[in-house]
N, C-alpha and C. Protein backbone atom coordinates (compact mmCIF):
# COMPACT_ATOMS: atom_id res chain seq x y z
N MET A 1 0.71 -1.15 0.02
CA MET A 1 0.04 0.21 0.03
C MET A 1 0.95 1.36 0.02
N SER A 2 0.62 2.24 -0.80
CA SER A 2 1.38 3.23 -0.85
C SER A 2 1.21 4.40 0.17
N ASN A 3 1.94 5.18 0.60
CA ASN A 3 1.87 6.26 1.80
C ASN A 3 0.86 7.24 1.23
N SER A 4 0.21 7.88 2.35
CA SER A 4 -0.66 8.70 1.86
C SER A 4 -0.05 10.10 1.73
N ILE A 5 -0.51 10.98 0.81
CA ILE A 5 -0.09 12.14 0.37
C ILE A 5 -0.67 13.13 1.50
N THR A 6 -0.04 13.78 2.24
CA THR A 6 -0.57 14.76 3.40
C THR A 6 -0.13 16.05 3.14
N ASP A 7 0.93 16.40 2.28
CA ASP A 7 1.47 17.49 1.99
C ASP A 7 0.54 18.29 1.18
N LYS A 8 0.10 19.62 1.33
CA LYS A 8 -0.88 20.15 0.26
C LYS A 8 -0.18 20.38 -0.88
N ASN A 9 1.08 20.77 -1.07
CA ASN A 9 1.69 21.02 -2.31
C ASN A 9 1.86 19.78 -3.24
N LYS A 10 2.12 18.68 -2.36
CA LYS A 10 2.12 17.30 -3.16
C LYS A 10 0.83 16.95 -3.52
N GLN A 11 -0.13 17.22 -2.79
CA GLN A 11 -1.68 16.85 -3.32
C GLN A 11 -2.05 17.71 -4.47
N VAL A 12 -1.76 18.96 -4.62
CA VAL A 12 -1.96 19.60 -5.66
C VAL A 12 -1.15 19.18 -7.11
N ASN A 13 0.07 19.04 -6.76
CA ASN A 13 1.08 18.45 -7.90
C ASN A 13 0.38 17.11 -8.37
N TYR A 14 0.00 16.18 -7.33
CA TYR A 14 -0.67 14.99 -7.86
C TYR A 14 -1.82 15.20 -8.85
N LEU A 15 -2.86 16.26 -8.40
CA LEU A 15 -4.01 16.38 -9.17
C LEU A 15 -3.66 17.04 -10.51
N LYS A 16 -2.71 17.91 -10.49
CA LYS A 16 -2.17 18.46 -11.81
C LYS A 16 -1.76 17.50 -12.64
N GLU A 17 -0.87 16.40 -12.06
CA GLU A 17 -0.43 15.30 -13.04
C GLU A 17 -1.56 14.44 -13.52
N ARG A 18 -2.47 14.24 -12.74
CA ARG A 18 -3.65 13.34 -13.16
C ARG A 18 -4.34 14.03 -14.22
N LEU A 19 -4.65 15.47 -14.08
CA LEU A 19 -5.25 16.30 -15.02
C LEU A 19 -4.62 16.45 -16.29
N GLN A 20 -3.18 16.47 -16.20
CA GLN A 20 -2.48 16.50 -17.50
C GLN A 20 -2.47 15.17 -18.27
N ILE A 21 -2.55 14.15 -17.59
CA ILE A 21 -2.94 12.77 -18.22
C ILE A 21 -4.13 12.85 -19.04
N PHE A 22 -5.13 13.35 -18.18
CA PHE A 22 -6.45 13.45 -18.91
C PHE A 22 -6.51 14.39 -20.26
N VAL A 23 -5.73 15.60 -20.20
CA VAL A 23 -5.51 16.36 -21.38
C VAL A 23 -4.91 15.48 -22.57
N GLU A 24 -3.81 14.65 -22.05
CA GLU A 24 -3.08 13.95 -23.06
C GLU A 24 -3.91 12.91 -23.71
N VAL A 25 -4.60 12.11 -22.93
CA VAL A 25 -5.61 11.19 -23.41
C VAL A 25 -6.66 11.70 -24.32
N LEU A 26 -7.20 12.99 -24.09
CA LEU A 26 -8.13 13.74 -24.73
C LEU A 26 -7.76 14.04 -26.06
N ASP A 27 -6.54 14.65 -26.02
CA ASP A 27 -5.94 15.12 -27.30
C ASP A 27 -5.71 13.94 -28.15
N ALA A 28 -5.42 12.70 -27.65
CA ALA A 28 -5.01 11.58 -28.52
C ALA A 28 -6.33 10.89 -29.17
N ILE A 29 -7.40 11.41 -28.78
CA ILE A 29 -8.65 10.64 -29.08
C ILE A 29 -9.03 11.59 -30.48
N ASP A 30 -9.15 10.60 -31.45
CA ASP A 30 -9.67 11.17 -32.86
C ASP A 30 -11.39 11.41 -32.88
N PRO A 31 -11.88 12.75 -32.84
CA PRO A 31 -13.43 12.73 -32.67
C PRO A 31 -14.04 11.83 -33.53
N GLU A 32 -13.53 11.62 -34.85
CA GLU A 32 -14.20 10.92 -35.78
C GLU A 32 -14.20 9.37 -35.67
N THR A 33 -13.35 8.84 -34.70
CA THR A 33 -13.33 7.37 -34.56
C THR A 33 -13.34 7.17 -33.08
N ALA A 34 -13.70 8.14 -32.13
CA ALA A 34 -13.92 7.79 -30.81
C ALA A 34 -14.99 6.72 -30.65
N ASP A 35 -14.86 5.81 -29.65
CA ASP A 35 -15.82 5.12 -29.33
C ASP A 35 -16.37 5.22 -27.82
N LEU A 36 -17.11 4.44 -27.43
CA LEU A 36 -17.55 4.23 -26.04
C LEU A 36 -16.53 3.94 -24.98
N GLU A 37 -15.57 3.13 -25.30
CA GLU A 37 -14.45 2.75 -24.33
C GLU A 37 -13.60 4.12 -24.22
N ASP A 38 -13.29 4.84 -25.17
CA ASP A 38 -12.58 6.14 -25.17
C ASP A 38 -13.36 7.07 -24.09
N ILE A 39 -14.58 7.30 -24.38
CA ILE A 39 -15.25 8.18 -23.45
C ILE A 39 -15.25 7.68 -22.01
N ASP A 40 -15.43 6.19 -21.77
CA ASP A 40 -15.33 5.63 -20.43
C ASP A 40 -14.09 5.96 -19.86
N ARG A 41 -12.93 5.75 -20.68
CA ARG A 41 -11.58 5.95 -20.06
C ARG A 41 -11.35 7.49 -19.47
N LEU A 42 -12.00 8.40 -20.17
CA LEU A 42 -11.91 9.71 -19.97
C LEU A 42 -12.72 10.03 -18.60
N ILE A 43 -13.96 9.35 -18.56
CA ILE A 43 -14.81 9.58 -17.23
C ILE A 43 -14.12 8.93 -16.12
N LYS A 44 -13.35 7.85 -16.23
CA LYS A 44 -12.92 7.11 -15.11
C LYS A 44 -11.63 8.00 -14.65
N ILE A 45 -10.74 8.73 -15.53
CA ILE A 45 -9.86 9.53 -15.20
C ILE A 45 -10.37 10.68 -14.18
N ILE A 46 -11.49 11.21 -14.72
CA ILE A 46 -12.24 12.45 -13.99
C ILE A 46 -12.71 11.94 -12.74
N ASP A 47 -13.27 10.59 -12.63
CA ASP A 47 -13.86 9.92 -11.39
C ASP A 47 -12.70 9.88 -10.35
N ASP A 48 -11.61 9.42 -10.93
CA ASP A 48 -10.32 9.09 -10.16
C ASP A 48 -9.79 10.49 -9.35
N VAL A 49 -9.90 11.47 -10.10
CA VAL A 49 -9.40 12.90 -9.72
C VAL A 49 -10.44 13.25 -8.60
N GLU A 50 -11.66 13.11 -8.91
CA GLU A 50 -12.73 13.86 -8.01
C GLU A 50 -12.54 12.95 -6.62
N GLU A 51 -12.38 11.64 -6.83
CA GLU A 51 -12.20 10.67 -5.59
C GLU A 51 -11.05 11.17 -4.82
N LYS A 52 -9.86 11.43 -5.40
CA LYS A 52 -8.70 11.95 -4.66
C LYS A 52 -8.91 13.26 -4.09
N MET A 53 -9.45 14.15 -4.81
CA MET A 53 -9.83 15.49 -4.29
C MET A 53 -10.36 15.29 -2.91
N ASP A 54 -11.65 14.46 -2.99
CA ASP A 54 -12.44 14.18 -1.74
C ASP A 54 -11.43 13.66 -0.82
N GLN A 55 -10.74 12.59 -0.83
CA GLN A 55 -9.67 12.19 0.04
C GLN A 55 -8.94 13.23 0.71
N PHE A 56 -8.34 14.01 -0.25
CA PHE A 56 -7.37 15.06 0.24
C PHE A 56 -8.17 16.06 1.27
N HIS A 57 -9.37 16.24 0.81
CA HIS A 57 -10.05 17.38 1.47
C HIS A 57 -10.30 16.83 2.97
N ASN A 58 -10.88 15.58 2.89
CA ASN A 58 -11.25 14.90 4.15
C ASN A 58 -10.11 14.75 4.98
N ARG A 59 -8.90 14.38 4.38
CA ARG A 59 -7.60 14.31 5.19
C ARG A 59 -7.11 15.58 5.77
N ASN A 60 -7.46 16.78 4.85
CA ASN A 60 -7.04 18.01 5.51
C ASN A 60 -8.02 18.48 6.45
N GLU A 61 -9.22 18.39 6.39
CA GLU A 61 -10.08 18.62 7.41
C GLU A 61 -9.79 17.76 8.78
N PHE A 62 -9.42 16.58 8.58
CA PHE A 62 -9.19 15.82 9.91
C PHE A 62 -7.94 16.32 10.63
N THR A 63 -6.98 16.86 9.87
CA THR A 63 -5.79 17.16 10.41
C THR A 63 -5.85 18.75 11.03
N LYS A 64 -6.84 19.37 10.65
CA LYS A 64 -7.16 20.65 11.11
C LYS A 64 -7.59 20.66 12.74
N GLU A 65 -7.95 19.50 13.00
CA GLU A 65 -8.75 19.61 14.32
C GLU A 65 -7.71 19.17 15.33
């Protein structure tokens, strides 16, 4: 199991990297030949980013107390 990212700068960098991956995948998709699998892959990346944002938020809220 990987270590939790608790440093806010590392959290932001992680999210930026994941969003950069999203942009790269999006740019690589040809709109004329895109299929459902391509769209599902993009949705999965966004879902993963959203989940990680929630985890970071909850972790940061917990550490404030």
